[in-house]
PDB file of N, CA and C in Angstrom:
ATOM      1  N   UNK A   1       3.095  -3.814   9.933  1.00  0.00           N
ATOM      2  CA  UNK A   1       3.607  -3.139  11.097  1.00  0.00           C
ATOM      3  C   UNK A   1       3.152  -1.688  11.159  1.00  0.00           C
ATOM      4  N   UNK A   2       3.097  -1.011  10.003  1.00  0.00           N
ATOM      5  CA  UNK A   2       2.696   0.394  10.031  1.00  0.00           C
ATOM      6  C   UNK A   2       1.229   0.561   9.677  1.00  0.00           C
ATOM      7  N   UNK A   3       0.553  -0.524   9.364  1.00  0.00           N
ATOM      8  CA  UNK A   3      -0.879  -0.463   9.097  1.00  0.00           C
ATOM      9  C   UNK A   3      -1.215  -0.026   7.689  1.00  0.00           C
ATOM     10  N   UNK A   4      -2.386  -0.440   7.241  1.00  0.00           N
ATOM     11  CA  UNK A   4      -2.838  -0.018   5.918  1.00  0.00           C
ATOM     12  C   UNK A   4      -3.642   1.261   6.063  1.00  0.00           C
ATOM     13  N   UNK A   5      -3.558   2.104   5.033  1.00  0.00           N
ATOM     14  CA  UNK A   5      -4.253   3.385   5.079  1.00  0.00           C
ATOM     15  C   UNK A   5      -5.518   3.349   4.232  1.00  0.00           C
ATOM     16  N   UNK A   6      -5.461   2.655   3.093  1.00  0.00           N
ATOM     17  CA  UNK A   6      -6.613   2.626   2.197  1.00  0.00           C
ATOM     18  C   UNK A   6      -6.547   1.367   1.343  1.00  0.00           C
ATOM     19  N   UNK A   7      -7.682   1.020   0.743  1.00  0.00           N
ATOM     20  CA  UNK A   7      -7.767  -0.151  -0.123  1.00  0.00           C
ATOM     21  C   UNK A   7      -8.704   0.175  -1.278  1.00  0.00           C
ATOM     22  N   UNK A   8      -8.357  -0.339  -2.455  1.00  0.00           N
ATOM     23  CA  UNK A   8      -9.213  -0.198  -3.625  1.00  0.00           C
ATOM     24  C   UNK A   8      -9.336  -1.581  -4.251  1.00  0.00           C
ATOM     25  N   UNK A   9     -10.569  -2.069  -4.377  1.00  0.00           N
ATOM     26  CA  UNK A   9     -10.811  -3.407  -4.904  1.00  0.00           C
ATOM     27  C   UNK A   9     -11.381  -3.295  -6.310  1.00  0.00           C
ATOM     28  N   UNK A  10     -10.704  -3.949  -7.259  1.00  0.00           N
ATOM     29  CA  UNK A  10     -11.138  -3.944  -8.649  1.00  0.00           C
ATOM     30  C   UNK A  10     -12.258  -4.963  -8.855  1.00  0.00           C
ATOM     31  N   UNK A  11     -13.048  -4.806  -9.927  1.00  0.00           N
ATOM     32  CA  UNK A  11     -14.131  -5.760 -10.199  1.00  0.00           C
ATOM     33  C   UNK A  11     -13.649  -7.211 -10.340  1.00  0.00           C
ATOM     34  N   UNK A  12     -12.385  -7.418 -10.729  1.00  0.00           N
ATOM     35  CA  UNK A  12     -11.874  -8.780 -10.911  1.00  0.00           C
ATOM     36  C   UNK A  12     -11.364  -9.399  -9.605  1.00  0.00           C
ATOM     37  N   UNK A  13     -11.483  -8.697  -8.493  1.00  0.00           N
ATOM     38  CA  UNK A  13     -11.101  -9.246  -7.196  1.00  0.00           C
ATOM     39  C   UNK A  13      -9.700  -8.909  -6.744  1.00  0.00           C
ATOM     40  N   UNK A  14      -8.953  -8.131  -7.525  1.00  0.00           N
ATOM     41  CA  UNK A  14      -7.624  -7.694  -7.077  1.00  0.00           C
ATOM     42  C   UNK A  14      -7.777  -6.478  -6.179  1.00  0.00           C
ATOM     43  N   UNK A  15      -7.094  -6.499  -5.052  1.00  0.00           N
ATOM     44  CA  UNK A  15      -7.160  -5.397  -4.097  1.00  0.00           C
ATOM     45  C   UNK A  15      -5.781  -4.750  -3.983  1.00  0.00           C
ATOM     46  N   UNK A  16      -5.740  -3.426  -4.099  1.00  0.00           N
ATOM     47  CA  UNK A  16      -4.521  -2.650  -3.914  1.00  0.00           C
ATOM     48  C   UNK A  16      -4.614  -1.946  -2.567  1.00  0.00           C
ATOM     49  N   UNK A  17      -3.574  -2.063  -1.766  1.00  0.00           N
ATOM     50  CA  UNK A  17      -3.586  -1.550  -0.402  1.00  0.00           C
ATOM     51  C   UNK A  17      -2.404  -0.601  -0.214  1.00  0.00           C
ATOM     52  N   UNK A  18      -2.686   0.611   0.261  1.00  0.00           N
ATOM     53  CA  UNK A  18      -1.598   1.540   0.581  1.00  0.00           C
ATOM     54  C   UNK A  18      -1.284   1.409   2.066  1.00  0.00           C
ATOM     55  N   UNK A  19      -0.003   1.519   2.388  1.00  0.00           N
ATOM     56  CA  UNK A  19       0.428   1.302   3.764  1.00  0.00           C
ATOM     57  C   UNK A  19       1.601   2.207   4.102  1.00  0.00           C
ATOM     58  N   UNK A  20       1.714   2.551   5.372  1.00  0.00           N
ATOM     59  CA  UNK A  20       2.882   3.276   5.846  1.00  0.00           C
ATOM     60  C   UNK A  20       2.679   4.768   6.001  1.00  0.00           C
ATOM     61  N   UNK A  21       1.447   5.236   6.042  1.00  0.00           N
ATOM     62  CA  UNK A  21       1.201   6.669   6.200  1.00  0.00           C
ATOM     63  C   UNK A  21       1.715   7.141   7.556  1.00  0.00           C
ATOM     64  N   UNK A  22       2.423   8.250   7.530  1.00  0.00           N
ATOM     65  CA  UNK A  22       2.928   8.843   8.764  1.00  0.00           C
ATOM     66  C   UNK A  22       2.404  10.268   8.893  1.00  0.00           C
ATOM     67  N   UNK A  23       1.844  10.584  10.047  1.00  0.00           N
ATOM     68  CA  UNK A  23       1.366  11.928  10.348  1.00  0.00           C
ATOM     69  C   UNK A  23       2.318  12.574  11.338  1.00  0.00           C
ATOM     70  N   UNK A  24       2.662  13.837  11.147  1.00  0.00           N
ATOM     71  CA  UNK A  24       3.512  14.524  12.123  1.00  0.00           C
ATOM     72  C   UNK A  24       2.849  14.525  13.500  1.00  0.00           C
ATOM     73  N   UNK A  25       3.634  14.215  14.514  1.00  0.00           N
ATOM     74  CA  UNK A  25       3.126  14.242  15.881  1.00  0.00           C
ATOM     75  C   UNK A  25       2.468  12.960  16.336  1.00  0.00           C
ATOM     76  N   UNK A  26       2.269  11.999  15.440  1.00  0.00           N
ATOM     77  CA  UNK A  26       1.663  10.723  15.819  1.00  0.00           C
ATOM     78  C   UNK A  26       2.736   9.638  15.736  1.00  0.00           C
ATOM     79  N   UNK A  27       2.847   8.842  16.796  1.00  0.00           N
ATOM     80  CA  UNK A  27       3.879   7.799  16.870  1.00  0.00           C
ATOM     81  C   UNK A  27       3.769   6.843  15.688  1.00  0.00           C
ATOM     82  N   UNK A  28       4.913   6.553  15.103  1.00  0.00           N
ATOM     83  CA  UNK A  28       4.999   5.585  14.019  1.00  0.00           C
ATOM     84  C   UNK A  28       5.801   4.388  14.508  1.00  0.00           C
ATOM     85  N   UNK A  29       5.348   3.180  14.200  1.00  0.00           N
ATOM     86  CA  UNK A  29       6.060   1.980  14.617  1.00  0.00           C
ATOM     87  C   UNK A  29       7.258   1.693  13.720  1.00  0.00           C
ATOM     88  N   UNK A  30       7.307   2.329  12.558  1.00  0.00           N
ATOM     89  CA  UNK A  30       8.429   2.164  11.625  1.00  0.00           C
ATOM     90  C   UNK A  30       8.752   3.516  11.000  1.00  0.00           C
ATOM     91  N   UNK A  31       9.272   4.458  11.780  1.00  0.00           N
ATOM     92  CA  UNK A  31       9.471   5.821  11.280  1.00  0.00           C
ATOM     93  C   UNK A  31      10.455   5.950  10.124  1.00  0.00           C
ATOM     94  N   UNK A  32      11.386   5.016   9.997  1.00  0.00           N
ATOM     95  CA  UNK A  32      12.379   5.099   8.928  1.00  0.00           C
ATOM     96  C   UNK A  32      12.022   4.252   7.709  1.00  0.00           C
ATOM     97  N   UNK A  33      10.894   3.577   7.754  1.00  0.00           N
ATOM     98  CA  UNK A  33      10.489   2.707   6.647  1.00  0.00           C
ATOM     99  C   UNK A  33       9.574   3.486   5.698  1.00  0.00           C
ATOM    100  N   UNK A  34       9.869   3.444   4.386  1.00  0.00           N
ATOM    101  CA  UNK A  34       9.006   4.169   3.446  1.00  0.00           C
ATOM    102  C   UNK A  34       7.650   3.475   3.304  1.00  0.00           C
ATOM    103  N   UNK A  35       6.703   4.184   2.715  1.00  0.00           N
ATOM    104  CA  UNK A  35       5.397   3.600   2.463  1.00  0.00           C
ATOM    105  C   UNK A  35       5.476   2.470   1.452  1.00  0.00           C
ATOM    106  N   UNK A  36       4.402   1.706   1.373  1.00  0.00           N
ATOM    107  CA  UNK A  36       4.368   0.549   0.481  1.00  0.00           C
ATOM    108  C   UNK A  36       2.995   0.428  -0.161  1.00  0.00           C
ATOM    109  N   UNK A  37       2.950  -0.313  -1.269  1.00  0.00           N
ATOM    110  CA  UNK A  37       1.701  -0.698  -1.905  1.00  0.00           C
ATOM    111  C   UNK A  37       1.689  -2.217  -1.959  1.00  0.00           C
ATOM    112  N   UNK A  38       0.583  -2.808  -1.535  1.00  0.00           N
ATOM    113  CA  UNK A  38       0.428  -4.256  -1.543  1.00  0.00           C
ATOM    114  C   UNK A  38      -0.681  -4.648  -2.515  1.00  0.00           C
ATOM    115  N   UNK A  39      -0.603  -5.882  -2.997  1.00  0.00           N
ATOM    116  CA  UNK A  39      -1.624  -6.450  -3.869  1.00  0.00           C
ATOM    117  C   UNK A  39      -2.145  -7.719  -3.219  1.00  0.00           C
ATOM    118  N   UNK A  40      -3.466  -7.880  -3.226  1.00  0.00           N
ATOM    119  CA  UNK A  40      -4.081  -9.082  -2.682  1.00  0.00           C
ATOM    120  C   UNK A  40      -5.118  -9.584  -3.684  1.00  0.00           C
ATOM    121  N   UNK A  41      -5.050 -10.870  -4.008  1.00  0.00           N
ATOM    122  CA  UNK A  41      -6.026 -11.473  -4.917  1.00  0.00           C
ATOM    123  C   UNK A  41      -7.117 -12.121  -4.073  1.00  0.00           C
ATOM    124  N   UNK A  42      -8.272 -11.475  -4.024  1.00  0.00           N
ATOM    125  CA  UNK A  42      -9.367 -11.954  -3.181  1.00  0.00           C
ATOM    126  C   UNK A  42     -10.064 -13.187  -3.747  1.00  0.00           C
ATOM    127  N   UNK A  43      -9.651 -13.631  -4.936  1.00  0.00           N
ATOM    128  CA  UNK A  43     -10.202 -14.847  -5.536  1.00  0.00           C
ATOM    129  C   UNK A  43      -9.513 -16.101  -5.005  1.00  0.00           C
ATOM    130  N   UNK A  44      -8.388 -15.941  -4.364  1.00  0.00           N
ATOM    131  CA  UNK A  44      -7.646 -17.084  -3.827  1.00  0.00           C
ATOM    132  C   UNK A  44      -8.327 -17.622  -2.574  1.00  0.00           C
ATOM    133  N   UNK A  45      -8.124 -18.913  -2.299  1.00  0.00           N
ATOM    134  CA  UNK A  45      -8.702 -19.519  -1.100  1.00  0.00           C
ATOM    135  C   UNK A  45      -8.143 -18.895   0.173  1.00  0.00           C
ATOM    136  N   UNK A  46      -6.857 -18.602   0.183  1.00  0.00           N
ATOM    137  CA  UNK A  46      -6.201 -17.976   1.329  1.00  0.00           C
ATOM    138  C   UNK A  46      -5.448 -16.744   0.849  1.00  0.00           C
ATOM    139  N   UNK A  47      -6.168 -15.660   0.569  1.00  0.00           N
ATOM    140  CA  UNK A  47      -5.492 -14.477   0.038  1.00  0.00           C
ATOM    141  C   UNK A  47      -4.477 -13.912   1.024  1.00  0.00           C
ATOM    142  N   UNK A  48      -3.358 -13.419   0.478  1.00  0.00           N
ATOM    143  CA  UNK A  48      -2.350 -12.768   1.311  1.00  0.00           C
ATOM    144  C   UNK A  48      -1.848 -11.537   0.581  1.00  0.00           C
ATOM    145  N   UNK A  49      -1.479 -10.547   1.335  1.00  0.00           N
ATOM    146  CA  UNK A  49      -0.971  -9.300   0.762  1.00  0.00           C
ATOM    147  C   UNK A  49       0.483  -9.487   0.358  1.00  0.00           C
ATOM    148  N   UNK A  50       0.786  -9.113  -0.886  1.00  0.00           N
ATOM    149  CA  UNK A  50       2.138  -9.203  -1.420  1.00  0.00           C
ATOM    150  C   UNK A  50       2.615  -7.791  -1.752  1.00  0.00           C
ATOM    151  N   UNK A  51       3.784  -7.433  -1.253  1.00  0.00           N
ATOM    152  CA  UNK A  51       4.318  -6.099  -1.510  1.00  0.00           C
ATOM    153  C   UNK A  51       4.668  -5.963  -2.991  1.00  0.00           C
ATOM    154  N   UNK A  52       4.201  -4.883  -3.604  1.00  0.00           N
ATOM    155  CA  UNK A  52       4.543  -4.607  -4.991  1.00  0.00           C
ATOM    156  C   UNK A  52       5.896  -3.912  -5.055  1.00  0.00           C
ATOM    157  N   UNK A  53       6.661  -4.279  -6.032  1.00  0.00           N
ATOM    158  CA  UNK A  53       7.966  -3.656  -6.245  1.00  0.00           C
ATOM    159  C   UNK A  53       7.765  -2.338  -6.980  1.00  0.00           C
ATOM    160  N   UNK A  54       8.342  -1.282  -6.474  1.00  0.00           N
ATOM    161  CA  UNK A  54       8.188   0.040  -7.077  1.00  0.00           C
ATOM    162  C   UNK A  54       9.407   0.308  -7.956  1.00  0.00           C
ATOM    163  N   UNK A  55       9.159   0.808  -9.150  1.00  0.00           N
ATOM    164  CA  UNK A  55      10.205   1.027 -10.147  1.00  0.00           C
ATOM    165  C   UNK A  55      11.337   1.897  -9.632  1.00  0.00           C
ATOM    166  N   UNK A  56      12.507   1.645 -10.166  1.00  0.00           N
ATOM    167  CA  UNK A  56      13.673   2.486  -9.850  1.00  0.00           C
ATOM    168  C   UNK A  56      13.410   3.896 -10.354  1.00  0.00           C
ATOM    169  N   UNK A  57      14.040   4.846  -9.708  1.00  0.00           N
ATOM    170  CA  UNK A  57      13.857   6.238 -10.090  1.00  0.00           C
ATOM    171  C   UNK A  57      12.737   6.907  -9.313  1.00  0.00           C
ATOM    172  N   UNK A  58      11.940   6.134  -8.599  1.00  0.00           N
ATOM    173  CA  UNK A  58      10.866   6.670  -7.779  1.00  0.00           C
ATOM    174  C   UNK A  58      11.443   7.022  -6.414  1.00  0.00           C
ATOM    175  N   UNK A  59      11.045   8.135  -5.851  1.00  0.00           N
ATOM    176  CA  UNK A  59      11.571   8.588  -4.557  1.00  0.00           C
ATOM    177  C   UNK A  59      10.920   7.798  -3.420  1.00  0.00           C
ATOM    178  N   UNK A  60      11.492   6.633  -3.120  1.00  0.00           N
ATOM    179  CA  UNK A  60      10.938   5.775  -2.070  1.00  0.00           C
ATOM    180  C   UNK A  60      11.121   6.351  -0.677  1.00  0.00           C
ATOM    181  N   UNK A  61      12.185   7.107  -0.464  1.00  0.00           N
ATOM    182  CA  UNK A  61      12.474   7.642   0.867  1.00  0.00           C
ATOM    183  C   UNK A  61      11.332   8.521   1.371  1.00  0.00           C
ATOM    184  N   UNK A  62      10.755   9.313   0.488  1.00  0.00           N
ATOM    185  CA  UNK A  62       9.681  10.215   0.915  1.00  0.00           C
ATOM    186  C   UNK A  62       8.289   9.675   0.588  1.00  0.00           C
ATOM    187  N   UNK A  63       8.192   8.425   0.136  1.00  0.00           N
ATOM    188  CA  UNK A  63       6.888   7.851  -0.218  1.00  0.00           C
ATOM    189  C   UNK A  63       6.058   7.667   1.045  1.00  0.00           C
ATOM    190  N   UNK A  64       4.952   8.392   1.122  1.00  0.00           N
ATOM    191  CA  UNK A  64       4.088   8.411   2.294  1.00  0.00           C
ATOM    192  C   UNK A  64       2.641   8.358   1.791  1.00  0.00           C
ATOM    193  N   UNK A  65       2.183   7.170   1.330  1.00  0.00           N
ATOM    194  CA  UNK A  65       0.887   7.086   0.650  1.00  0.00           C
ATOM    195  C   UNK A  65      -0.300   7.404   1.552  1.00  0.00           C
ATOM    196  N   UNK A  66      -1.156   8.248   1.044  1.00  0.00           N
ATOM    197  CA  UNK A  66      -2.404   8.596   1.725  1.00  0.00           C
ATOM    198  C   UNK A  66      -3.524   8.384   0.722  1.00  0.00           C
ATOM    199  N   UNK A  67      -4.224   7.274   0.848  1.00  0.00           N
ATOM    200  CA  UNK A  67      -5.281   6.939  -0.087  1.00  0.00           C
ATOM    201  C   UNK A  67      -4.741   6.170  -1.282  1.00  0.00           C
ATOM    202  N   UNK A  68      -5.670   5.631  -2.061  1.00  0.00           N
ATOM    203  CA  UNK A  68      -5.298   4.925  -3.295  1.00  0.00           C
ATOM    204  C   UNK A  68      -6.551   4.830  -4.144  1.00  0.00           C
ATOM    205  N   UNK A  69      -6.362   4.940  -5.433  1.00  0.00           N
ATOM    206  CA  UNK A  69      -7.473   4.733  -6.358  1.00  0.00           C
ATOM    207  C   UNK A  69      -6.897   4.149  -7.635  1.00  0.00           C
ATOM    208  N   UNK A  70      -7.728   3.492  -8.396  1.00  0.00           N
ATOM    209  CA  UNK A  70      -7.288   2.864  -9.642  1.00  0.00           C
ATOM    210  C   UNK A  70      -8.095   3.425 -10.795  1.00  0.00           C
ATOM    211  N   UNK A  71      -7.506   3.331 -11.966  1.00  0.00           N
ATOM    212  CA  UNK A  71      -8.161   3.767 -13.195  1.00  0.00           C
ATOM    213  C   UNK A  71      -8.179   2.579 -14.137  1.00  0.00           C
ATOM    214  N   UNK A  72      -9.352   2.231 -14.623  1.00  0.00           N
ATOM    215  CA  UNK A  72      -9.497   1.119 -15.567  1.00  0.00           C
ATOM    216  C   UNK A  72      -9.803   1.719 -16.932  1.00  0.00           C
ATOM    217  N   UNK A  73      -8.952   1.420 -17.901  1.00  0.00           N
ATOM    218  CA  UNK A  73      -9.126   1.949 -19.256  1.00  0.00           C
ATOM    219  C   UNK A  73      -9.842   0.923 -20.113  1.00  0.00           C
TER     220      UNK A  73
END
């Protein structure tokens, strides 16, 4: 509903998607909904985005993701 802002695809085919970015002055379709991170496995026959659960203690109310990147150790 609020659209994806960025995507990062790992070599193993897992895709992380940030969603819910809000800019001041631009209409938001879900102004009271915090941002989200989704995971999609591109190796599946019918991949679908699944919302990742964010740990407790994280400030979800102000979560407004802009971009995403991953680090592989």
